[in-house]
């Protein structure tokens, strides 16, 4: 029965073959994880780029309905529309937009000054 067990060079070759196979599997899994991770980060970034926060949606709902409801929520059109109606937006909406970094306090002040003249 001893002739069934690998010995010497044969055992070393089989061990090397198993190590190579294991490395190949680990490498493939790591590459797959990297691809999936990168795809998820890209998708998340794209979603965040167009998505308004819950705070902005809540604070600006009335303004959206009053001025921009012809545009799909979260669309580029609604962003342009809200920008065009900036001086008419409610204080709570403007405050939420400033807090979320959608517009600066300086830009709000500049628009107020321009609207008064």
N, C-alpha and C. Protein backbone atom coordinates (compact mmCIF):
# COMPACT_ATOMS: atom_id res chain seq x y z
N UNK A 1 0.81 -1.18 0.00
CA UNK A 1 0.00 0.00 0.00
C UNK A 1 0.86 1.26 0.00
N UNK A 2 2.09 1.16 0.34
CA UNK A 2 2.97 2.32 0.40
C UNK A 2 3.21 2.92 -0.97
N UNK A 3 2.97 2.17 -2.04
CA UNK A 3 3.18 2.72 -3.38
C UNK A 3 2.13 3.75 -3.77
N UNK A 4 1.03 3.91 -2.99
CA UNK A 4 -0.01 4.90 -3.28
C UNK A 4 0.31 6.27 -2.70
N UNK A 5 1.22 6.36 -1.78
CA UNK A 5 1.57 7.63 -1.17
C UNK A 5 2.68 8.31 -1.96
N UNK A 6 2.57 9.62 -2.25
CA UNK A 6 3.62 10.31 -2.97
C UNK A 6 4.87 10.42 -2.11
N UNK A 7 6.00 10.31 -2.72
CA UNK A 7 7.26 10.41 -1.99
C UNK A 7 8.22 11.31 -2.76
N UNK A 8 9.13 11.89 -2.01
CA UNK A 8 10.22 12.66 -2.62
C UNK A 8 9.77 13.77 -3.55
N UNK A 9 10.30 13.76 -4.79
CA UNK A 9 10.02 14.80 -5.79
C UNK A 9 8.55 14.88 -6.15
N UNK A 10 7.88 13.73 -6.17
CA UNK A 10 6.46 13.71 -6.52
C UNK A 10 5.66 14.50 -5.49
N UNK A 11 5.95 14.31 -4.21
CA UNK A 11 5.23 15.02 -3.16
C UNK A 11 5.52 16.52 -3.24
N UNK A 12 6.75 16.92 -3.50
CA UNK A 12 7.10 18.33 -3.63
C UNK A 12 6.38 18.97 -4.82
N UNK A 13 6.27 18.25 -5.93
CA UNK A 13 5.59 18.76 -7.11
C UNK A 13 4.11 18.94 -6.83
N UNK A 14 3.49 17.96 -6.18
CA UNK A 14 2.06 18.08 -5.86
C UNK A 14 1.82 19.24 -4.90
N UNK A 15 2.70 19.42 -3.93
CA UNK A 15 2.57 20.53 -2.98
C UNK A 15 2.69 21.86 -3.72
N UNK A 16 3.63 21.95 -4.64
CA UNK A 16 3.80 23.18 -5.43
C UNK A 16 2.59 23.42 -6.32
N UNK A 17 2.04 22.36 -6.91
CA UNK A 17 0.84 22.49 -7.74
C UNK A 17 -0.34 22.99 -6.93
N UNK A 18 -0.51 22.46 -5.71
CA UNK A 18 -1.61 22.90 -4.84
C UNK A 18 -1.42 24.37 -4.44
N UNK A 19 -0.19 24.75 -4.13
CA UNK A 19 0.10 26.13 -3.75
C UNK A 19 -0.18 27.08 -4.91
N UNK A 20 0.20 26.68 -6.12
CA UNK A 20 -0.06 27.50 -7.30
C UNK A 20 -1.56 27.63 -7.54
N UNK A 21 -2.28 26.54 -7.41
CA UNK A 21 -3.73 26.56 -7.60
C UNK A 21 -4.39 27.44 -6.54
N UNK A 22 -3.96 27.31 -5.29
CA UNK A 22 -4.53 28.12 -4.22
C UNK A 22 -4.25 29.60 -4.46
N UNK A 23 -3.04 29.94 -4.87
CA UNK A 23 -2.68 31.33 -5.15
C UNK A 23 -3.54 31.87 -6.29
N UNK A 24 -3.74 31.07 -7.33
CA UNK A 24 -4.55 31.49 -8.48
C UNK A 24 -5.98 31.78 -8.04
N UNK A 25 -6.55 30.93 -7.20
CA UNK A 25 -7.92 31.12 -6.72
C UNK A 25 -7.99 32.39 -5.86
N UNK A 26 -7.03 32.56 -4.97
CA UNK A 26 -7.01 33.75 -4.10
C UNK A 26 -6.86 35.01 -4.94
N UNK A 27 -5.99 34.98 -5.92
CA UNK A 27 -5.77 36.12 -6.81
C UNK A 27 -7.06 36.46 -7.57
N UNK A 28 -7.73 35.44 -8.08
CA UNK A 28 -8.98 35.66 -8.83
C UNK A 28 -10.05 36.24 -7.92
N UNK A 29 -10.17 35.73 -6.71
CA UNK A 29 -11.16 36.26 -5.76
C UNK A 29 -10.84 37.71 -5.40
N UNK A 30 -9.58 38.02 -5.19
CA UNK A 30 -9.19 39.39 -4.86
C UNK A 30 -9.50 40.34 -6.02
N UNK A 31 -9.23 39.91 -7.24
CA UNK A 31 -9.53 40.74 -8.42
C UNK A 31 -11.03 40.96 -8.54
N UNK A 32 -11.80 39.90 -8.31
CA UNK A 32 -13.26 40.01 -8.37
C UNK A 32 -13.77 40.98 -7.31
N UNK A 33 -13.24 40.87 -6.08
CA UNK A 33 -13.66 41.76 -5.00
C UNK A 33 -13.31 43.21 -5.33
N UNK A 34 -12.16 43.42 -5.93
CA UNK A 34 -11.75 44.77 -6.32
C UNK A 34 -12.70 45.34 -7.38
N UNK A 35 -13.05 44.54 -8.35
CA UNK A 35 -13.96 44.99 -9.41
C UNK A 35 -15.33 45.31 -8.83
N UNK A 36 -15.86 44.43 -8.00
CA UNK A 36 -17.18 44.65 -7.39
C UNK A 36 -17.13 45.87 -6.49
N UNK A 37 -16.10 45.99 -5.68
CA UNK A 37 -15.97 47.14 -4.79
C UNK A 37 -15.90 48.45 -5.54
N UNK A 38 -15.11 48.50 -6.60
CA UNK A 38 -15.00 49.70 -7.42
C UNK A 38 -16.33 50.05 -8.07
N UNK A 39 -17.04 49.04 -8.55
CA UNK A 39 -18.35 49.27 -9.16
C UNK A 39 -19.33 49.84 -8.15
N UNK A 40 -19.33 49.30 -6.94
CA UNK A 40 -20.24 49.80 -5.91
C UNK A 40 -19.90 51.23 -5.51
N UNK A 41 -18.63 51.54 -5.40
CA UNK A 41 -18.23 52.91 -5.07
C UNK A 41 -18.64 53.88 -6.16
N UNK A 42 -18.47 53.48 -7.41
CA UNK A 42 -18.87 54.33 -8.53
C UNK A 42 -20.38 54.55 -8.53
N UNK A 43 -21.14 53.49 -8.31
CA UNK A 43 -22.59 53.59 -8.27
C UNK A 43 -23.04 54.47 -7.12
N UNK A 44 -22.43 54.30 -5.95
CA UNK A 44 -22.77 55.11 -4.79
C UNK A 44 -22.44 56.57 -5.04
N UNK A 45 -21.30 56.85 -5.62
CA UNK A 45 -20.91 58.23 -5.92
C UNK A 45 -21.86 58.86 -6.92
N UNK A 46 -22.24 58.13 -7.94
CA UNK A 46 -23.16 58.66 -8.94
C UNK A 46 -24.53 58.94 -8.32
N UNK A 47 -24.97 58.06 -7.46
CA UNK A 47 -26.26 58.25 -6.81
C UNK A 47 -26.22 59.47 -5.90
N UNK A 48 -25.15 59.59 -5.13
CA UNK A 48 -25.02 60.73 -4.23
C UNK A 48 -24.90 62.04 -4.99
N UNK A 49 -24.30 62.01 -6.13
CA UNK A 49 -24.13 63.23 -6.91
C UNK A 49 -25.47 63.84 -7.31
N UNK A 50 -26.46 63.02 -7.54
CA UNK A 50 -27.77 63.50 -7.97
C UNK A 50 -28.81 63.50 -6.86
N UNK A 51 -28.54 62.84 -5.77
CA UNK A 51 -29.54 62.68 -4.73
C UNK A 51 -29.50 63.83 -3.73
N UNK A 52 -30.67 64.36 -3.44
CA UNK A 52 -30.79 65.37 -2.39
C UNK A 52 -30.93 64.63 -1.07
N UNK A 53 -30.41 65.22 -0.02
CA UNK A 53 -30.51 64.60 1.30
C UNK A 53 -31.96 64.64 1.77
N UNK A 54 -32.26 63.82 2.76
CA UNK A 54 -33.61 63.81 3.34
C UNK A 54 -33.95 65.18 3.91
N UNK A 55 -32.95 65.84 4.48
CA UNK A 55 -33.17 67.18 5.03
C UNK A 55 -33.59 68.16 3.94
N UNK A 56 -32.89 68.15 2.81
CA UNK A 56 -33.22 69.06 1.70
C UNK A 56 -34.58 68.71 1.12
N UNK A 57 -34.84 67.43 0.91
CA UNK A 57 -36.15 67.02 0.37
C UNK A 57 -37.28 67.50 1.26
N UNK A 58 -37.12 67.33 2.57
CA UNK A 58 -38.16 67.73 3.51
C UNK A 58 -38.34 69.25 3.53
N UNK A 59 -37.23 69.99 3.64
CA UNK A 59 -37.30 71.45 3.74
C UNK A 59 -37.74 72.11 2.45
N UNK A 60 -37.47 71.48 1.32
CA UNK A 60 -37.74 72.12 0.02
C UNK A 60 -38.97 71.55 -0.70
N UNK A 61 -39.70 70.66 -0.06
CA UNK A 61 -40.84 70.03 -0.73
C UNK A 61 -41.85 71.08 -1.21
N UNK A 62 -42.20 72.04 -0.38
CA UNK A 62 -43.16 73.08 -0.77
C UNK A 62 -42.65 73.91 -1.93
N UNK A 63 -41.37 74.23 -1.91
CA UNK A 63 -40.77 75.01 -3.00
C UNK A 63 -40.77 74.20 -4.29
N UNK A 64 -40.45 72.91 -4.17
CA UNK A 64 -40.47 72.04 -5.34
C UNK A 64 -41.87 72.01 -5.94
N UNK A 65 -42.89 71.82 -5.12
CA UNK A 65 -44.26 71.75 -5.61
C UNK A 65 -44.71 73.08 -6.20
N UNK A 66 -44.27 74.18 -5.60
CA UNK A 66 -44.69 75.50 -6.08
C UNK A 66 -44.02 75.90 -7.39
N UNK A 67 -42.76 75.53 -7.57
CA UNK A 67 -42.01 76.04 -8.71
C UNK A 67 -41.53 75.00 -9.72
N UNK A 68 -41.28 73.79 -9.28
CA UNK A 68 -40.51 72.87 -10.14
C UNK A 68 -41.11 71.48 -10.28
N UNK A 69 -42.37 71.30 -9.95
CA UNK A 69 -42.96 69.96 -9.97
C UNK A 69 -43.08 69.37 -11.38
N UNK A 70 -42.88 70.19 -12.40
CA UNK A 70 -42.90 69.66 -13.77
C UNK A 70 -41.66 68.84 -14.08
N UNK A 71 -40.65 68.92 -13.19
CA UNK A 71 -39.41 68.16 -13.36
C UNK A 71 -39.40 66.96 -12.41
N UNK A 72 -38.79 65.89 -12.84
CA UNK A 72 -38.67 64.71 -11.99
C UNK A 72 -37.80 65.03 -10.79
N UNK A 73 -38.21 64.56 -9.60
CA UNK A 73 -37.35 64.78 -8.42
C UNK A 73 -35.96 64.19 -8.67
N UNK A 74 -34.97 64.81 -8.10
CA UNK A 74 -33.58 64.35 -8.19
C UNK A 74 -32.99 64.51 -9.60
N UNK A 75 -33.68 65.19 -10.49
CA UNK A 75 -33.17 65.33 -11.86
C UNK A 75 -32.37 66.61 -12.01
N UNK A 76 -31.62 66.67 -13.09
CA UNK A 76 -30.86 67.88 -13.40
C UNK A 76 -31.83 69.05 -13.64
N UNK A 77 -32.99 68.74 -14.22
CA UNK A 77 -33.99 69.77 -14.49
C UNK A 77 -34.51 70.44 -13.22
N UNK A 78 -34.73 69.64 -12.19
CA UNK A 78 -35.22 70.22 -10.94
C UNK A 78 -34.13 71.07 -10.29
N UNK A 79 -32.89 70.66 -10.41
CA UNK A 79 -31.79 71.47 -9.86
C UNK A 79 -31.72 72.82 -10.58
N UNK A 80 -31.82 72.81 -11.90
CA UNK A 80 -31.80 74.07 -12.66
C UNK A 80 -32.98 74.95 -12.29
N UNK A 81 -34.15 74.33 -12.16
CA UNK A 81 -35.36 75.07 -11.82
C UNK A 81 -35.24 75.72 -10.44
N UNK A 82 -34.79 74.94 -9.46
CA UNK A 82 -34.65 75.48 -8.11
C UNK A 82 -33.61 76.60 -8.10
N UNK A 83 -32.57 76.45 -8.88
CA UNK A 83 -31.55 77.48 -8.99
C UNK A 83 -32.16 78.76 -9.59
N UNK A 84 -32.98 78.59 -10.62
CA UNK A 84 -33.62 79.75 -11.27
C UNK A 84 -34.58 80.47 -10.32
N UNK A 85 -35.17 79.74 -9.38
CA UNK A 85 -36.13 80.33 -8.43
C UNK A 85 -35.47 80.61 -7.08
N UNK A 86 -34.15 80.64 -7.06
CA UNK A 86 -33.41 80.78 -5.81
C UNK A 86 -33.88 81.89 -4.90
N UNK A 87 -34.18 83.06 -5.44
CA UNK A 87 -34.59 84.19 -4.60
C UNK A 87 -36.01 84.01 -4.05
N UNK A 88 -36.76 83.07 -4.60
CA UNK A 88 -38.13 82.82 -4.15
C UNK A 88 -38.22 81.64 -3.17
N UNK A 89 -37.13 80.91 -2.97
CA UNK A 89 -37.17 79.73 -2.11
C UNK A 89 -37.35 80.12 -0.65
N UNK A 90 -38.02 79.26 0.09
CA UNK A 90 -38.26 79.51 1.51
C UNK A 90 -36.95 79.50 2.29
N UNK A 91 -36.97 80.17 3.45
CA UNK A 91 -35.78 80.24 4.29
C UNK A 91 -35.36 78.83 4.73
N UNK A 92 -36.32 77.98 5.07
CA UNK A 92 -35.97 76.63 5.52
C UNK A 92 -35.30 75.83 4.41
N UNK A 93 -35.76 76.01 3.18
CA UNK A 93 -35.14 75.33 2.04
C UNK A 93 -33.73 75.85 1.83
N UNK A 94 -33.56 77.16 1.82
CA UNK A 94 -32.24 77.76 1.61
C UNK A 94 -31.29 77.31 2.71
N UNK A 95 -31.76 77.33 3.97
CA UNK A 95 -30.91 76.90 5.09
C UNK A 95 -30.47 75.44 4.93
N UNK A 96 -31.38 74.58 4.49
CA UNK A 96 -31.04 73.17 4.26
C UNK A 96 -30.04 73.03 3.13
N UNK A 97 -30.23 73.79 2.06
CA UNK A 97 -29.29 73.74 0.93
C UNK A 97 -27.90 74.21 1.34
N UNK A 98 -27.83 75.24 2.17
CA UNK A 98 -26.54 75.73 2.67
C UNK A 98 -25.91 74.67 3.57
N UNK A 99 -26.70 74.11 4.49
CA UNK A 99 -26.18 73.11 5.43
C UNK A 99 -25.63 71.88 4.71
N UNK A 100 -26.23 71.52 3.59
CA UNK A 100 -25.80 70.34 2.83
C UNK A 100 -24.72 70.66 1.79
N UNK A 101 -24.32 71.93 1.72
CA UNK A 101 -23.25 72.31 0.80
C UNK A 101 -23.70 72.46 -0.65
N UNK A 102 -25.00 72.54 -0.87
CA UNK A 102 -25.52 72.71 -2.23
C UNK A 102 -25.31 74.13 -2.73
N UNK A 103 -25.26 75.08 -1.81
CA UNK A 103 -25.05 76.49 -2.14
C UNK A 103 -24.33 77.12 -0.95
N UNK A 104 -23.52 78.14 -1.22
CA UNK A 104 -22.80 78.80 -0.12
C UNK A 104 -23.65 79.92 0.47
N UNK A 105 -23.36 80.26 1.70
CA UNK A 105 -24.05 81.38 2.36
C UNK A 105 -23.74 82.67 1.59
N UNK A 106 -22.52 82.79 1.08
CA UNK A 106 -22.14 83.97 0.30
C UNK A 106 -22.97 84.11 -0.97
N UNK A 107 -23.24 83.00 -1.64
CA UNK A 107 -24.07 83.03 -2.86
C UNK A 107 -25.50 83.44 -2.51
N UNK A 108 -26.01 82.96 -1.40
CA UNK A 108 -27.37 83.34 -0.96
C UNK A 108 -27.41 84.84 -0.71
N UNK A 109 -26.41 85.35 -0.02
CA UNK A 109 -26.37 86.78 0.28
C UNK A 109 -26.25 87.60 -1.00
N UNK A 110 -25.42 87.16 -1.93
CA UNK A 110 -25.26 87.87 -3.21
C UNK A 110 -26.58 87.94 -3.95
N UNK A 111 -27.32 86.83 -3.95
CA UNK A 111 -28.61 86.81 -4.65
C UNK A 111 -29.63 87.71 -3.96
N UNK A 112 -29.62 87.74 -2.64
CA UNK A 112 -30.54 88.63 -1.91
C UNK A 112 -30.27 90.07 -2.26
N UNK A 113 -28.99 90.43 -2.28
CA UNK A 113 -28.59 91.80 -2.60
C UNK A 113 -29.00 92.14 -4.04
N UNK A 114 -28.77 91.24 -4.97
CA UNK A 114 -29.13 91.48 -6.37
C UNK A 114 -30.64 91.59 -6.54
N UNK A 115 -31.40 90.83 -5.79
CA UNK A 115 -32.86 90.86 -5.92
C UNK A 115 -33.44 92.17 -5.37
N UNK A 116 -32.76 92.80 -4.42
CA UNK A 116 -33.24 94.04 -3.81
C UNK A 116 -33.00 95.24 -4.72
N UNK A 117 -32.15 95.11 -5.69
CA UNK A 117 -31.85 96.25 -6.58
C UNK A 117 -32.61 96.17 -7.86
